[in-house]
Structures are given as C-alpha cells and as structure tokens.
Amino acid sequence: MNLGLNNKIAVVTGASKGMGKSIAYSLASEGVKVLLVARNLDLLKSEVHSLLELGYSAAYLQGDVSDLDLPNLVLEFIKKEWNSSPDILINNAGGPPPGSILNHSDQIWDAAIQLNLMSVIRFTRAMLPYMKEKKWGRIVSITSTVAKEPSPTMVLSATLRAGVSAFTKAVSSEYAVDNITLNVICPGGVLTDRLSSLLKQNAETTNRNYDEILSESQNMIPAKRFANPDEIANTVTFLCSEAGSYITGTSIMVDGGLTKSYF
C-alpha cells in the first residue's frame, strides 16, 4: 500500500523513547522527514544518529512541551532545516503522576494541565495555519484509555486526556474541509519505561512482587499481553497516510480489547 507520505515533514514530541520513538521510526520509514522533540538531549542525539544511519531524514530539537515558546521554536527550526513547514504533528508526552483527587495540589494540577492538555492546544494552534495553507495536514494526539474509562487513581490523566478528545473533536469539524484530519490514539497498556515504572510503584506500594503485578495486569486484557510500541506507531502512521484521509475527529482505542465500552 502506498501511504503517500514521502517527503512530508513531521513533528513528533516525546520522541526520544517509548511510543514517540517508535512513531518517529515508523514515519521515517515511509519517507517522512521527522523532527524529534524531547527533553533528553543525549537520547535525542542517539536516536537521530540511528535514523540517519538507516538512510532516513531526521533532526532533533531539545525542549519541554510545557514551554510556551516551543511550538514557535519548532516552526523556526523546520523553516531553517527543510525550508518548509510541518505536514504532520504527533502530540505525545508522558502522563501525569497517578493518585486520587486528595493526592494532588493545585500546583500538580497546573503542571499536568500544561504538559498534557495545553501543550496539545499550543502545538495544534501553531501548526494549523500552515496545514490550512497547504490544504493537507495530519494531527494525532497520543493519550490513554482512561479518557473513555476514567479511574479514580488516575484522575489527572483521565481529566486531561478526555479534554484532548473533546478539543480534537471540536477542531476537527472546523478543519475537515481543508483536508486536515485530527485524531486521538488511546493506548491501553504499552510496554514502555513509564508503564514499568508504574507497575514497580504499584508493587512497592502493595508490598507485592513485580512479576506478579505484571502477570495480573496482562491477564486483565483480553489479548493477554501489553502492546509493543510499534503497534501504536503502525496505527498512527496509517492515520497520517492518504489511506486514512477520511478518518477525523475520532478517539481510537488501541488496547487489545481492554476498554469495555463499544462507542
């Protein structure tokens, strides 16, 4: 299948590891010029070096998506590097800390809002005019299944991820006529460093064995396993392609059947 992505330009945030890294590699393998954005400079340099060795087109920019100036810095970088503007935006950032409503102060809420909601709004707002001018654009935001099925111990993530879905739906309706699609991918359990950290934290809190927690968690999924980051990346790449051009305004559960709701 020809995905029609050759020479498109993509911005992938949180791209130094986990799902962001896999998405960057997947897009690059389809001929996309990829700008990897993340906080860890050493990891960024390493991944871009690997991409270039594979013959792909890639560059990096260190930054925190909570930074109000970062979207404009990204646009300036792409203008200098490729004399163009982004065609694809992948909003991806690590989730906020777990905990119930009484565990989080206003300061923690404010930080999470900047990281997981306002970053999506700012990057989307910055990129849309350029996509509108080209009459082509793809925006995919990575969130979580808790956007649809909230958990009391993930109240920060549930609240903000649902906000991203609502924001995406509202904006997608306005820009569909311009051949710009906006969608949300809601992964379930994905074998990343963050998931391992959460499971270890759970094991320590409950004084249980990590492997026991891991097995128990996977058995809750109908597929009986966590996803590989590449499986999320494949879905994202399809949505960015010409083959996915009629899908917009959706929040897609990619979770091995974990989510119980069917709409």
Protein backbone atom coordinates (compact mmCIF):
# COMPACT_ATOMS: atom_id res chain seq x y z
CA MET A 1 0.00 0.00 0.00
CA ASN A 2 1.33 3.42 -0.98
CA LEU A 3 0.78 5.61 2.06
CA GLY A 4 1.58 8.82 0.19
CA LEU A 5 3.88 10.19 2.89
CA ASN A 6 7.17 10.57 1.06
CA ASN A 7 8.82 13.95 1.76
CA LYS A 8 6.16 15.03 4.22
CA ILE A 9 7.50 16.76 7.34
CA ALA A 10 6.51 15.54 10.80
CA VAL A 11 6.97 16.84 14.32
CA VAL A 12 6.95 14.12 16.97
CA THR A 13 7.08 15.22 20.59
CA GLY A 14 8.24 12.90 23.35
CA ALA A 15 10.22 11.19 20.62
CA SER A 16 13.34 10.06 22.46
CA LYS A 17 11.84 6.82 23.77
CA GLY A 18 8.71 4.71 24.07
CA MET A 19 5.79 5.28 21.74
CA GLY A 20 7.15 8.58 20.45
CA LYS A 21 10.37 6.94 19.36
CA SER A 22 8.50 4.12 17.58
CA ILE A 23 6.25 6.63 15.82
CA ALA A 24 9.26 8.61 14.63
CA TYR A 25 10.87 5.48 13.17
CA SER A 26 7.61 4.34 11.55
CA LEU A 27 7.03 7.68 9.84
CA ALA A 28 10.68 7.95 8.78
CA SER A 29 10.48 4.50 7.17
CA GLU A 30 7.72 5.88 4.91
CA GLY A 31 9.93 8.69 3.65
CA VAL A 32 8.81 11.34 6.13
CA LYS A 33 11.30 13.96 7.30
CA VAL A 34 10.98 13.73 11.07
CA LEU A 35 11.84 16.27 13.74
CA LEU A 36 12.21 14.53 17.10
CA VAL A 37 11.42 16.73 20.09
CA ALA A 38 12.07 15.73 23.70
CA ARG A 39 13.80 16.84 26.91
CA ASN A 40 16.62 14.28 26.96
CA LEU A 41 19.34 15.60 24.65
CA ASP A 42 21.54 12.51 24.79
CA LEU A 43 18.70 10.19 23.80
CA LEU A 44 17.62 12.55 21.02
CA LYS A 45 21.12 12.63 19.54
CA SER A 46 21.37 8.84 19.71
CA GLU A 47 18.03 8.19 18.02
CA VAL A 48 18.58 10.74 15.26
CA HIS A 49 22.03 9.25 14.62
CA SER A 50 20.40 5.81 14.28
CA LEU A 51 17.75 7.16 11.90
CA LEU A 52 20.35 8.85 9.71
CA GLU A 53 22.41 5.65 9.60
CA LEU A 54 19.31 3.87 8.28
CA GLY A 55 19.16 6.40 5.45
CA TYR A 56 16.19 8.31 6.83
CA SER A 57 15.79 12.06 7.09
CA ALA A 58 15.67 13.23 10.71
CA ALA A 59 16.69 16.04 13.03
CA TYR A 60 16.21 16.84 16.70
CA LEU A 61 15.30 19.76 18.91
CA GLN A 62 15.57 19.63 22.68
CA GLY A 63 12.60 21.06 24.51
CA ASP A 64 9.85 20.61 27.07
CA VAL A 65 6.32 20.68 25.60
CA SER A 66 5.20 22.64 28.67
CA ASP A 67 7.34 25.53 27.38
CA LEU A 68 5.07 28.17 25.84
CA ASP A 69 7.71 29.12 23.25
CA LEU A 70 8.48 25.61 21.99
CA PRO A 71 5.91 25.44 19.14
CA ASN A 72 7.35 28.58 17.54
CA LEU A 73 10.90 27.32 18.03
CA VAL A 74 9.87 24.12 16.23
CA LEU A 75 8.45 26.11 13.31
CA GLU A 76 11.61 28.20 13.06
CA PHE A 77 13.80 25.08 13.15
CA ILE A 78 11.84 23.37 10.36
CA LYS A 79 12.00 26.52 8.24
CA LYS A 80 15.80 26.57 8.57
CA GLU A 81 16.32 22.81 8.26
CA TRP A 82 13.93 21.96 5.41
CA ASN A 83 12.76 25.38 4.17
CA SER A 84 9.17 24.37 4.74
CA SER A 85 6.53 23.84 7.43
CA PRO A 86 5.09 20.76 9.16
CA ASP A 87 2.59 18.50 7.46
CA ILE A 88 2.19 16.13 10.40
CA LEU A 89 2.04 16.75 14.14
CA ILE A 90 2.22 13.98 16.71
CA ASN A 91 1.35 15.24 20.20
CA ASN A 92 2.91 12.84 22.67
CA ALA A 93 4.03 13.43 26.25
CA GLY A 94 4.49 11.36 29.37
CA GLY A 95 1.46 11.04 31.59
CA PRO A 96 0.95 12.88 34.87
CA PRO A 97 1.51 11.14 38.22
CA PRO A 98 -1.06 8.64 39.47
CA GLY A 99 -3.16 9.31 42.53
CA SER A 100 -6.70 10.17 43.59
CA ILE A 101 -8.26 13.61 43.99
CA LEU A 102 -6.93 14.22 47.50
CA ASN A 103 -3.35 13.39 46.49
CA HIS A 104 -2.85 16.34 44.15
CA SER A 105 -2.32 20.01 44.94
CA ASP A 106 -3.17 22.90 42.62
CA GLN A 107 0.49 23.04 41.63
CA ILE A 108 0.43 19.41 40.47
CA TRP A 109 -2.81 20.02 38.56
CA ASP A 110 -1.35 23.12 36.89
CA ALA A 111 1.79 21.26 35.81
CA ALA A 112 -0.25 18.38 34.40
CA ILE A 113 -2.56 20.74 32.51
CA GLN A 114 0.44 22.38 30.85
CA LEU A 115 2.07 19.05 29.99
CA ASN A 116 -0.89 17.03 28.77
CA LEU A 117 -3.55 19.50 27.61
CA MET A 118 -2.17 22.95 26.90
CA SER A 119 0.82 21.51 25.02
CA VAL A 120 -1.60 19.84 22.60
CA ILE A 121 -3.58 23.06 22.21
CA ARG A 122 -0.50 25.22 21.66
CA PHE A 123 1.19 22.91 19.15
CA THR A 124 -2.04 22.37 17.23
CA ARG A 125 -2.80 26.09 17.12
CA ALA A 126 0.71 26.85 15.87
CA MET A 127 0.69 24.23 13.08
CA LEU A 128 -2.86 24.60 11.75
CA PRO A 129 -2.34 27.80 9.69
CA TYR A 130 0.48 26.16 7.72
CA MET A 131 -1.52 23.00 7.12
CA LYS A 132 -4.52 25.08 6.04
CA GLU A 133 -2.33 26.91 3.54
CA LYS A 134 -1.18 23.57 2.07
CA LYS A 135 -4.70 22.08 2.19
CA TRP A 136 -3.17 19.00 3.83
CA GLY A 137 -2.41 18.09 7.39
CA ARG A 138 -2.46 15.30 9.95
CA ILE A 139 -2.57 15.77 13.71
CA VAL A 140 -2.57 12.76 16.02
CA SER A 141 -2.52 13.03 19.80
CA ILE A 142 -1.48 10.12 22.00
CA THR A 143 -3.47 9.86 25.24
CA SER A 144 -4.87 6.85 27.14
CA THR A 145 -7.90 4.61 27.51
CA VAL A 146 -8.65 6.43 30.77
CA ALA A 147 -10.02 9.22 28.57
CA LYS A 148 -13.03 6.95 27.98
CA GLU A 149 -12.99 4.81 31.14
CA PRO A 150 -11.69 7.00 33.99
CA SER A 151 -10.00 5.53 37.03
CA PRO A 152 -10.08 7.23 40.45
CA THR A 153 -6.36 6.59 40.90
CA MET A 154 -5.59 8.20 37.52
CA VAL A 155 -7.78 11.27 37.96
CA LEU A 156 -5.23 13.69 36.50
CA SER A 157 -4.71 11.66 33.36
CA ALA A 158 -8.41 10.86 32.93
CA THR A 159 -9.45 14.50 33.16
CA LEU A 160 -6.81 15.86 30.81
CA ARG A 161 -6.96 13.03 28.26
CA ALA A 162 -10.72 13.48 27.98
CA GLY A 163 -10.07 17.17 27.40
CA VAL A 164 -7.79 16.32 24.49
CA SER A 165 -10.53 14.17 22.93
CA ALA A 166 -13.09 16.98 23.24
CA PHE A 167 -10.63 19.54 21.87
CA THR A 168 -9.76 17.27 18.94
CA LYS A 169 -13.40 16.65 18.06
CA ALA A 170 -14.22 20.37 18.11
CA VAL A 171 -11.27 21.43 15.96
CA SER A 172 -11.56 18.53 13.52
CA SER A 173 -15.03 19.66 12.47
CA GLU A 174 -13.74 23.08 11.52
CA TYR A 175 -10.72 21.91 9.51
CA ALA A 176 -12.04 18.80 7.75
CA VAL A 177 -12.87 20.89 4.68
CA ASP A 178 -9.16 21.78 4.41
CA ASN A 179 -8.08 18.12 4.15
CA ILE A 180 -6.71 18.28 7.69
CA THR A 181 -7.51 15.40 10.00
CA LEU A 182 -7.24 15.37 13.77
CA ASN A 183 -7.48 12.15 15.74
CA VAL A 184 -6.60 10.72 19.13
CA ILE A 185 -5.00 7.36 19.83
CA CYS A 186 -5.89 5.97 23.26
CA PRO A 187 -3.45 3.15 24.06
CA GLY A 188 -4.07 0.68 26.83
CA GLY A 189 -1.04 -0.95 28.37
CA VAL A 190 2.09 -0.47 26.27
CA LEU A 191 5.46 -1.90 27.29
CA THR A 192 7.33 1.36 27.85
CA ASP A 193 9.59 2.64 30.62
CA ARG A 194 6.66 4.59 32.07
CA LEU A 195 4.44 1.51 32.33
CA SER A 196 7.22 -0.47 34.00
CA SER A 197 7.71 2.39 36.46
CA LEU A 198 4.01 2.47 37.34
CA LEU A 199 3.93 -1.29 37.86
CA LYS A 200 7.02 -1.15 40.08
CA GLN A 201 5.44 1.65 42.08
CA ASN A 202 2.30 -0.44 42.48
CA ALA A 203 4.36 -3.43 43.61
CA GLU A 204 6.20 -1.35 46.21
CA THR A 205 3.01 0.27 47.49
CA THR A 206 1.21 -3.06 47.89
CA ASN A 207 4.32 -4.97 49.00
CA ARG A 208 3.94 -7.46 46.17
CA ASN A 209 6.24 -8.99 43.55
CA TYR A 210 6.71 -7.03 40.30
CA ASP A 211 6.32 -10.11 38.08
CA GLU A 212 3.10 -10.97 39.87
CA ILE A 213 1.72 -7.48 39.24
CA LEU A 214 2.85 -7.66 35.59
CA SER A 215 1.15 -11.01 35.01
CA GLU A 216 -2.01 -9.92 36.77
CA SER A 217 -2.18 -6.71 34.73
CA GLN A 218 -1.73 -8.52 31.42
CA ASN A 219 -4.38 -11.09 32.30
CA MET A 220 -6.92 -8.27 32.61
CA ILE A 221 -6.50 -7.60 28.88
CA PRO A 222 -8.47 -9.84 26.51
CA ALA A 223 -5.36 -10.13 24.33
CA LYS A 224 -3.46 -11.28 27.47
CA ARG A 225 -0.48 -9.06 26.75
CA PHE A 226 0.63 -5.46 26.66
CA ALA A 227 1.15 -3.76 23.32
CA ASN A 228 4.52 -3.26 21.69
CA PRO A 229 5.15 0.46 20.97
CA ASP A 230 5.44 -0.42 17.28
CA GLU A 231 1.77 -1.48 17.27
CA ILE A 232 0.76 2.01 18.34
CA ALA A 233 3.12 3.52 15.78
CA ASN A 234 1.58 1.49 12.96
CA THR A 235 -1.86 2.85 13.77
CA VAL A 236 -0.55 6.40 13.91
CA THR A 237 1.21 6.06 10.56
CA PHE A 238 -1.97 4.78 8.94
CA LEU A 239 -3.94 7.76 10.25
CA CYS A 240 -1.28 10.10 8.87
CA SER A 241 -1.39 8.48 5.44
CA GLU A 242 -3.59 9.06 2.41
CA ALA A 243 -5.22 5.72 3.22
CA GLY A 244 -6.56 7.24 6.44
CA SER A 245 -7.67 10.53 4.93
CA TYR A 246 -11.39 10.14 5.72
CA ILE A 247 -10.91 9.45 9.43
CA THR A 248 -11.12 12.57 11.57
CA GLY A 249 -12.42 13.62 14.97
CA THR A 250 -12.09 10.14 16.43
CA SER A 251 -10.59 8.78 19.64
CA ILE A 252 -9.45 5.27 18.80
CA MET A 253 -8.83 2.69 21.50
CA VAL A 254 -5.72 0.64 20.69
CA ASP A 255 -5.82 -1.60 23.73
CA GLY A 256 -6.09 -5.30 22.93
CA GLY A 257 -9.79 -5.21 23.86
CA LEU A 258 -9.27 -3.71 27.33
CA THR A 259 -11.90 -0.97 27.03
CA LYS A 260 -15.37 -2.30 27.76
CA SER A 261 -17.32 0.46 26.04
CA TYR A 262 -18.13 -0.06 22.36
CA PHE A 263 -18.76 3.57 21.40
